[in-house]
């Protein structure tokens, strides 16, 4: 049975959306602020804002590291399975 022709386009649109989404996060890092409500309220009351920026960057790094590690493990498993 021949697959439906629109299923190919649906998969490619999904991948395209993911690529555009990731590029958007890379180009606009201010849109990916990751502070909890309490931290944000306390840190916004500070006049300079440098501490808030540092805390926000730390949260983003702590959030990203597990994803990078898991992606690396899956990449090496994928390479091992392909060879």
PDB file of N, CA and C in Angstrom:
ATOM      1  N   UNK A   1       0.847  -1.177   0.000  1.00  0.00           N
ATOM      2  CA  UNK A   1       0.000   0.000   0.000  1.00  0.00           C
ATOM      3  C   UNK A   1       0.893   1.241   0.000  1.00  0.00           C
ATOM      4  N   UNK A   2       0.547   2.186  -0.812  1.00  0.00           N
ATOM      5  CA  UNK A   2       1.323   3.415  -0.961  1.00  0.00           C
ATOM      6  C   UNK A   2       1.029   4.375   0.196  1.00  0.00           C
ATOM      7  N   UNK A   3       2.071   4.920   0.834  1.00  0.00           N
ATOM      8  CA  UNK A   3       1.814   5.852   1.945  1.00  0.00           C
ATOM      9  C   UNK A   3       1.183   7.150   1.450  1.00  0.00           C
ATOM     10  N   UNK A   4       0.445   7.750   2.320  1.00  0.00           N
ATOM     11  CA  UNK A   4      -0.223   9.008   1.981  1.00  0.00           C
ATOM     12  C   UNK A   4       0.823  10.092   1.761  1.00  0.00           C
ATOM     13  N   UNK A   5       0.676  10.872   0.721  1.00  0.00           N
ATOM     14  CA  UNK A   5       1.712  11.840   0.364  1.00  0.00           C
ATOM     15  C   UNK A   5       1.835  12.986   1.362  1.00  0.00           C
ATOM     16  N   UNK A   6       0.791  13.283   2.093  1.00  0.00           N
ATOM     17  CA  UNK A   6       0.861  14.398   3.042  1.00  0.00           C
ATOM     18  C   UNK A   6       1.630  14.034   4.308  1.00  0.00           C
ATOM     19  N   UNK A   7       1.797  12.749   4.589  1.00  0.00           N
ATOM     20  CA  UNK A   7       2.539  12.357   5.782  1.00  0.00           C
ATOM     21  C   UNK A   7       4.004  12.767   5.675  1.00  0.00           C
ATOM     22  N   UNK A   8       4.557  12.789   4.462  1.00  0.00           N
ATOM     23  CA  UNK A   8       5.939  13.228   4.263  1.00  0.00           C
ATOM     24  C   UNK A   8       6.054  14.707   4.603  1.00  0.00           C
ATOM     25  N   UNK A   9       5.098  15.494   4.138  1.00  0.00           N
ATOM     26  CA  UNK A   9       5.136  16.928   4.412  1.00  0.00           C
ATOM     27  C   UNK A   9       4.922  17.229   5.880  1.00  0.00           C
ATOM     28  N   UNK A  10       4.105  16.444   6.539  1.00  0.00           N
ATOM     29  CA  UNK A  10       3.862  16.666   7.970  1.00  0.00           C
ATOM     30  C   UNK A  10       5.139  16.455   8.760  1.00  0.00           C
ATOM     31  N   UNK A  11       5.908  15.420   8.413  1.00  0.00           N
ATOM     32  CA  UNK A  11       7.160  15.179   9.124  1.00  0.00           C
ATOM     33  C   UNK A  11       8.169  16.280   8.843  1.00  0.00           C
ATOM     34  N   UNK A  12       8.269  16.724   7.609  1.00  0.00           N
ATOM     35  CA  UNK A  12       9.246  17.762   7.283  1.00  0.00           C
ATOM     36  C   UNK A  12       8.857  19.092   7.918  1.00  0.00           C
ATOM     37  N   UNK A  13       7.561  19.402   8.005  1.00  0.00           N
ATOM     38  CA  UNK A  13       7.132  20.639   8.664  1.00  0.00           C
ATOM     39  C   UNK A  13       7.437  20.594  10.149  1.00  0.00           C
ATOM     40  N   UNK A  14       7.308  19.437  10.750  1.00  0.00           N
ATOM     41  CA  UNK A  14       7.619  19.282  12.168  1.00  0.00           C
ATOM     42  C   UNK A  14       9.103  19.546  12.413  1.00  0.00           C
ATOM     43  N   UNK A  15       9.963  19.003  11.567  1.00  0.00           N
ATOM     44  CA  UNK A  15      11.399  19.222  11.707  1.00  0.00           C
ATOM     45  C   UNK A  15      11.740  20.679  11.443  1.00  0.00           C
ATOM     46  N   UNK A  16      11.098  21.276  10.459  1.00  0.00           N
ATOM     47  CA  UNK A  16      11.343  22.688  10.149  1.00  0.00           C
ATOM     48  C   UNK A  16      10.935  23.589  11.302  1.00  0.00           C
ATOM     49  N   UNK A  17       9.799  23.283  11.909  1.00  0.00           N
ATOM     50  CA  UNK A  17       9.353  24.067  13.049  1.00  0.00           C
ATOM     51  C   UNK A  17      10.340  23.959  14.196  1.00  0.00           C
ATOM     52  N   UNK A  18      10.854  22.752  14.435  1.00  0.00           N
ATOM     53  CA  UNK A  18      11.816  22.547  15.511  1.00  0.00           C
ATOM     54  C   UNK A  18      13.093  23.342  15.257  1.00  0.00           C
ATOM     55  N   UNK A  19      13.565  23.350  14.024  1.00  0.00           N
ATOM     56  CA  UNK A  19      14.774  24.105  13.679  1.00  0.00           C
ATOM     57  C   UNK A  19      14.544  25.601  13.882  1.00  0.00           C
ATOM     58  N   UNK A  20      13.426  26.112  13.409  1.00  0.00           N
ATOM     59  CA  UNK A  20      13.118  27.538  13.577  1.00  0.00           C
ATOM     60  C   UNK A  20      12.975  27.879  15.050  1.00  0.00           C
ATOM     61  N   UNK A  21      12.366  27.002  15.815  1.00  0.00           N
ATOM     62  CA  UNK A  21      12.188  27.207  17.249  1.00  0.00           C
ATOM     63  C   UNK A  21      13.533  27.305  17.962  1.00  0.00           C
ATOM     64  N   UNK A  22      14.454  26.384  17.641  1.00  0.00           N
ATOM     65  CA  UNK A  22      15.771  26.391  18.275  1.00  0.00           C
ATOM     66  C   UNK A  22      16.590  27.610  17.850  1.00  0.00           C
ATOM     67  N   UNK A  23      16.518  28.003  16.598  1.00  0.00           N
ATOM     68  CA  UNK A  23      17.227  29.197  16.140  1.00  0.00           C
ATOM     69  C   UNK A  23      16.680  30.429  16.847  1.00  0.00           C
ATOM     70  N   UNK A  24      15.374  30.473  17.057  1.00  0.00           N
ATOM     71  CA  UNK A  24      14.771  31.582  17.786  1.00  0.00           C
ATOM     72  C   UNK A  24      15.296  31.689  19.202  1.00  0.00           C
ATOM     73  N   UNK A  25      15.444  30.549  19.876  1.00  0.00           N
ATOM     74  CA  UNK A  25      16.004  30.567  21.230  1.00  0.00           C
ATOM     75  C   UNK A  25      17.454  31.017  21.232  1.00  0.00           C
ATOM     76  N   UNK A  26      18.198  30.653  20.207  1.00  0.00           N
ATOM     77  CA  UNK A  26      19.605  31.056  20.152  1.00  0.00           C
ATOM     78  C   UNK A  26      19.755  32.538  19.819  1.00  0.00           C
ATOM     79  N   UNK A  27      18.878  33.065  18.975  1.00  0.00           N
ATOM     80  CA  UNK A  27      18.984  34.468  18.573  1.00  0.00           C
ATOM     81  C   UNK A  27      18.382  35.421  19.600  1.00  0.00           C
ATOM     82  N   UNK A  28      17.412  34.945  20.368  1.00  0.00           N
ATOM     83  CA  UNK A  28      16.742  35.798  21.351  1.00  0.00           C
ATOM     84  C   UNK A  28      16.820  35.169  22.741  1.00  0.00           C
ATOM     85  N   UNK A  29      17.996  35.190  23.374  1.00  0.00           N
ATOM     86  CA  UNK A  29      18.120  34.524  24.678  1.00  0.00           C
ATOM     87  C   UNK A  29      17.298  35.189  25.776  1.00  0.00           C
ATOM     88  N   UNK A  30      16.928  36.452  25.602  1.00  0.00           N
ATOM     89  CA  UNK A  30      16.119  37.093  26.641  1.00  0.00           C
ATOM     90  C   UNK A  30      14.724  36.489  26.720  1.00  0.00           C
ATOM     91  N   UNK A  31      14.285  35.820  25.659  1.00  0.00           N
ATOM     92  CA  UNK A  31      12.972  35.180  25.663  1.00  0.00           C
ATOM     93  C   UNK A  31      12.984  33.868  26.425  1.00  0.00           C
ATOM     94  N   UNK A  32      14.154  33.377  26.806  1.00  0.00           N
ATOM     95  CA  UNK A  32      14.252  32.087  27.486  1.00  0.00           C
ATOM     96  C   UNK A  32      14.617  32.249  28.953  1.00  0.00           C
ATOM     97  N   UNK A  33      14.171  33.315  29.576  1.00  0.00           N
ATOM     98  CA  UNK A  33      14.468  33.520  30.990  1.00  0.00           C
ATOM     99  C   UNK A  33      13.847  32.403  31.815  1.00  0.00           C
ATOM    100  N   UNK A  34      14.602  31.917  32.802  1.00  0.00           N
ATOM    101  CA  UNK A  34      14.176  30.714  33.519  1.00  0.00           C
ATOM    102  C   UNK A  34      14.122  30.922  35.029  1.00  0.00           C
ATOM    103  N   UNK A  35      13.675  32.064  35.490  1.00  0.00           N
ATOM    104  CA  UNK A  35      13.611  32.297  36.928  1.00  0.00           C
ATOM    105  C   UNK A  35      12.242  31.897  37.457  1.00  0.00           C
ATOM    106  N   UNK A  36      12.240  31.388  38.691  1.00  0.00           N
ATOM    107  CA  UNK A  36      10.960  31.122  39.335  1.00  0.00           C
ATOM    108  C   UNK A  36      10.349  32.456  39.773  1.00  0.00           C
ATOM    109  N   UNK A  37       9.100  32.436  40.125  1.00  0.00           N
ATOM    110  CA  UNK A  37       8.395  33.676  40.458  1.00  0.00           C
ATOM    111  C   UNK A  37       8.986  34.366  41.691  1.00  0.00           C
ATOM    112  N   UNK A  38       9.341  33.599  42.715  1.00  0.00           N
ATOM    113  CA  UNK A  38       9.883  34.200  43.938  1.00  0.00           C
ATOM    114  C   UNK A  38      11.261  34.800  43.692  1.00  0.00           C
ATOM    115  N   UNK A  39      12.125  34.070  42.986  1.00  0.00           N
ATOM    116  CA  UNK A  39      13.466  34.594  42.692  1.00  0.00           C
ATOM    117  C   UNK A  39      13.359  35.864  41.869  1.00  0.00           C
ATOM    118  N   UNK A  40      12.465  35.863  40.911  1.00  0.00           N
ATOM    119  CA  UNK A  40      12.300  37.015  40.039  1.00  0.00           C
ATOM    120  C   UNK A  40      11.820  38.233  40.838  1.00  0.00           C
ATOM    121  N   UNK A  41      10.868  38.031  41.727  1.00  0.00           N
ATOM    122  CA  UNK A  41      10.337  39.149  42.512  1.00  0.00           C
ATOM    123  C   UNK A  41      11.407  39.758  43.411  1.00  0.00           C
ATOM    124  N   UNK A  42      12.212  38.920  44.046  1.00  0.00           N
ATOM    125  CA  UNK A  42      13.259  39.413  44.941  1.00  0.00           C
ATOM    126  C   UNK A  42      14.347  40.124  44.155  1.00  0.00           C
ATOM    127  N   UNK A  43      14.753  39.539  43.042  1.00  0.00           N
ATOM    128  CA  UNK A  43      15.861  40.097  42.277  1.00  0.00           C
ATOM    129  C   UNK A  43      15.474  41.336  41.474  1.00  0.00           C
ATOM    130  N   UNK A  44      14.206  41.478  41.102  1.00  0.00           N
ATOM    131  CA  UNK A  44      13.781  42.677  40.371  1.00  0.00           C
ATOM    132  C   UNK A  44      13.733  43.894  41.281  1.00  0.00           C
ATOM    133  N   UNK A  45      13.645  43.688  42.590  1.00  0.00           N
ATOM    134  CA  UNK A  45      13.612  44.815  43.503  1.00  0.00           C
ATOM    135  C   UNK A  45      14.994  45.461  43.642  1.00  0.00           C
ATOM    136  N   UNK A  46      16.033  44.746  43.190  1.00  0.00           N
ATOM    137  CA  UNK A  46      17.390  45.282  43.225  1.00  0.00           C
ATOM    138  C   UNK A  46      17.553  46.325  42.116  1.00  0.00           C
ATOM    139  N   UNK A  47      18.292  47.400  42.399  1.00  0.00           N
ATOM    140  CA  UNK A  47      18.415  48.506  41.452  1.00  0.00           C
ATOM    141  C   UNK A  47      19.290  48.173  40.243  1.00  0.00           C
ATOM    142  N   UNK A  48      20.429  47.512  40.451  1.00  0.00           N
ATOM    143  CA  UNK A  48      21.371  47.316  39.343  1.00  0.00           C
ATOM    144  C   UNK A  48      20.931  46.226  38.373  1.00  0.00           C
ATOM    145  N   UNK A  49      20.389  45.131  38.843  1.00  0.00           N
ATOM    146  CA  UNK A  49      19.931  44.060  37.967  1.00  0.00           C
ATOM    147  C   UNK A  49      21.014  43.092  37.542  1.00  0.00           C
ATOM    148  N   UNK A  50      22.260  43.334  37.942  1.00  0.00           N
ATOM    149  CA  UNK A  50      23.336  42.427  37.537  1.00  0.00           C
ATOM    150  C   UNK A  50      23.231  41.085  38.252  1.00  0.00           C
ATOM    151  N   UNK A  51      22.796  41.102  39.493  1.00  0.00           N
ATOM    152  CA  UNK A  51      22.631  39.844  40.227  1.00  0.00           C
ATOM    153  C   UNK A  51      21.519  39.008  39.597  1.00  0.00           C
ATOM    154  N   UNK A  52      20.443  39.666  39.201  1.00  0.00           N
ATOM    155  CA  UNK A  52      19.337  38.952  38.559  1.00  0.00           C
ATOM    156  C   UNK A  52      19.793  38.299  37.262  1.00  0.00           C
ATOM    157  N   UNK A  53      20.592  38.995  36.500  1.00  0.00           N
ATOM    158  CA  UNK A  53      21.097  38.442  35.242  1.00  0.00           C
ATOM    159  C   UNK A  53      22.006  37.240  35.504  1.00  0.00           C
ATOM    160  N   UNK A  54      22.847  37.343  36.520  1.00  0.00           N
ATOM    161  CA  UNK A  54      23.725  36.228  36.870  1.00  0.00           C
ATOM    162  C   UNK A  54      22.958  35.009  37.346  1.00  0.00           C
ATOM    163  N   UNK A  55      21.941  35.224  38.171  1.00  0.00           N
ATOM    164  CA  UNK A  55      21.113  34.112  38.654  1.00  0.00           C
ATOM    165  C   UNK A  55      20.384  33.463  37.486  1.00  0.00           C
ATOM    166  N   UNK A  56      19.857  34.276  36.582  1.00  0.00           N
ATOM    167  CA  UNK A  56      19.131  33.751  35.431  1.00  0.00           C
ATOM    168  C   UNK A  56      20.050  32.915  34.543  1.00  0.00           C
ATOM    169  N   UNK A  57      21.258  33.396  34.294  1.00  0.00           N
ATOM    170  CA  UNK A  57      22.206  32.637  33.480  1.00  0.00           C
ATOM    171  C   UNK A  57      22.575  31.317  34.158  1.00  0.00           C
ATOM    172  N   UNK A  58      22.749  31.331  35.462  1.00  0.00           N
ATOM    173  CA  UNK A  58      23.055  30.109  36.189  1.00  0.00           C
ATOM    174  C   UNK A  58      21.939  29.088  36.092  1.00  0.00           C
ATOM    175  N   UNK A  59      20.700  29.534  36.183  1.00  0.00           N
ATOM    176  CA  UNK A  59      19.559  28.628  36.060  1.00  0.00           C
ATOM    177  C   UNK A  59      19.516  28.013  34.676  1.00  0.00           C
ATOM    178  N   UNK A  60      19.753  28.825  33.649  1.00  0.00           N
ATOM    179  CA  UNK A  60      19.736  28.313  32.279  1.00  0.00           C
ATOM    180  C   UNK A  60      20.843  27.280  32.080  1.00  0.00           C
ATOM    181  N   UNK A  61      22.038  27.538  32.589  1.00  0.00           N
ATOM    182  CA  UNK A  61      23.134  26.576  32.447  1.00  0.00           C
ATOM    183  C   UNK A  61      22.827  25.286  33.185  1.00  0.00           C
ATOM    184  N   UNK A  62      22.301  25.386  34.394  1.00  0.00           N
ATOM    185  CA  UNK A  62      21.955  24.187  35.154  1.00  0.00           C
ATOM    186  C   UNK A  62      20.861  23.379  34.460  1.00  0.00           C
ATOM    187  N   UNK A  63      19.954  24.062  33.769  1.00  0.00           N
ATOM    188  CA  UNK A  63      18.893  23.375  33.059  1.00  0.00           C
ATOM    189  C   UNK A  63      19.416  22.724  31.777  1.00  0.00           C
ATOM    190  N   UNK A  64      20.378  23.343  31.102  1.00  0.00           N
ATOM    191  CA  UNK A  64      20.836  22.865  29.799  1.00  0.00           C
ATOM    192  C   UNK A  64      21.815  21.700  29.901  1.00  0.00           C
ATOM    193  N   UNK A  65      22.612  21.637  30.942  1.00  0.00           N
ATOM    194  CA  UNK A  65      23.663  20.618  31.037  1.00  0.00           C
ATOM    195  C   UNK A  65      23.103  19.187  30.993  1.00  0.00           C
ATOM    196  N   UNK A  66      22.053  18.830  31.716  1.00  0.00           N
ATOM    197  CA  UNK A  66      21.542  17.446  31.600  1.00  0.00           C
ATOM    198  C   UNK A  66      21.079  17.108  30.185  1.00  0.00           C
ATOM    199  N   UNK A  67      20.470  18.067  29.498  1.00  0.00           N
ATOM    200  CA  UNK A  67      20.019  17.802  28.135  1.00  0.00           C
ATOM    201  C   UNK A  67      21.205  17.565  27.202  1.00  0.00           C
ATOM    202  N   UNK A  68      22.263  18.333  27.360  1.00  0.00           N
ATOM    203  CA  UNK A  68      23.461  18.149  26.530  1.00  0.00           C
ATOM    204  C   UNK A  68      24.097  16.788  26.816  1.00  0.00           C
ATOM    205  N   UNK A  69      24.175  16.406  28.066  1.00  0.00           N
ATOM    206  CA  UNK A  69      24.755  15.108  28.419  1.00  0.00           C
ATOM    207  C   UNK A  69      23.931  13.948  27.863  1.00  0.00           C
ATOM    208  N   UNK A  70      22.624  14.013  27.997  1.00  0.00           N
ATOM    209  CA  UNK A  70      21.765  12.951  27.478  1.00  0.00           C
ATOM    210  C   UNK A  70      21.856  12.897  25.957  1.00  0.00           C
ATOM    211  N   UNK A  71      21.886  14.050  25.300  1.00  0.00           N
ATOM    212  CA  UNK A  71      22.021  14.076  23.841  1.00  0.00           C
ATOM    213  C   UNK A  71      23.347  13.451  23.419  1.00  0.00           C
ATOM    214  N   UNK A  72      24.418  13.716  24.158  1.00  0.00           N
ATOM    215  CA  UNK A  72      25.711  13.121  23.847  1.00  0.00           C
ATOM    216  C   UNK A  72      25.694  11.612  23.994  1.00  0.00           C
ATOM    217  N   UNK A  73      25.063  11.113  25.043  1.00  0.00           N
ATOM    218  CA  UNK A  73      24.966   9.664  25.249  1.00  0.00           C
ATOM    219  C   UNK A  73      24.175   9.027  24.113  1.00  0.00           C
ATOM    220  N   UNK A  74      23.040   9.621  23.744  1.00  0.00           N
ATOM    221  CA  UNK A  74      22.244   9.071  22.652  1.00  0.00           C
ATOM    222  C   UNK A  74      22.999   9.119  21.331  1.00  0.00           C
ATOM    223  N   UNK A  75      23.809  10.149  21.118  1.00  0.00           N
ATOM    224  CA  UNK A  75      24.599  10.243  19.892  1.00  0.00           C
ATOM    225  C   UNK A  75      25.608   9.098  19.824  1.00  0.00           C
ATOM    226  N   UNK A  76      26.318   8.841  20.920  1.00  0.00           N
ATOM    227  CA  UNK A  76      27.300   7.766  20.917  1.00  0.00           C
ATOM    228  C   UNK A  76      26.630   6.394  20.794  1.00  0.00           C
ATOM    229  N   UNK A  77      25.473   6.207  21.406  1.00  0.00           N
ATOM    230  CA  UNK A  77      24.744   4.952  21.253  1.00  0.00           C
ATOM    231  C   UNK A  77      24.291   4.785  19.807  1.00  0.00           C
ATOM    232  N   UNK A  78      23.800   5.862  19.210  1.00  0.00           N
ATOM    233  CA  UNK A  78      23.370   5.821  17.810  1.00  0.00           C
ATOM    234  C   UNK A  78      24.530   5.461  16.896  1.00  0.00           C
ATOM    235  N   UNK A  79      25.694   6.089  17.115  1.00  0.00           N
ATOM    236  CA  UNK A  79      26.871   5.772  16.302  1.00  0.00           C
ATOM    237  C   UNK A  79      27.307   4.333  16.479  1.00  0.00           C
ATOM    238  N   UNK A  80      27.246   3.842  17.703  1.00  0.00           N
ATOM    239  CA  UNK A  80      27.639   2.462  17.980  1.00  0.00           C
ATOM    240  C   UNK A  80      26.677   1.474  17.308  1.00  0.00           C
ATOM    241  N   UNK A  81      25.395   1.793  17.321  1.00  0.00           N
ATOM    242  CA  UNK A  81      24.399   0.908  16.706  1.00  0.00           C
ATOM    243  C   UNK A  81      24.514   0.920  15.180  1.00  0.00           C
ATOM    244  N   UNK A  82      24.922   2.034  14.600  1.00  0.00           N
ATOM    245  CA  UNK A  82      25.038   2.121  13.144  1.00  0.00           C
ATOM    246  C   UNK A  82      26.274   1.398  12.612  1.00  0.00           C
ATOM    247  N   UNK A  83      27.306   1.262  13.421  1.00  0.00           N
ATOM    248  CA  UNK A  83      28.539   0.624  12.933  1.00  0.00           C
ATOM    249  C   UNK A  83      28.549  -0.875  13.117  1.00  0.00           C
TER     250      UNK A  83
END
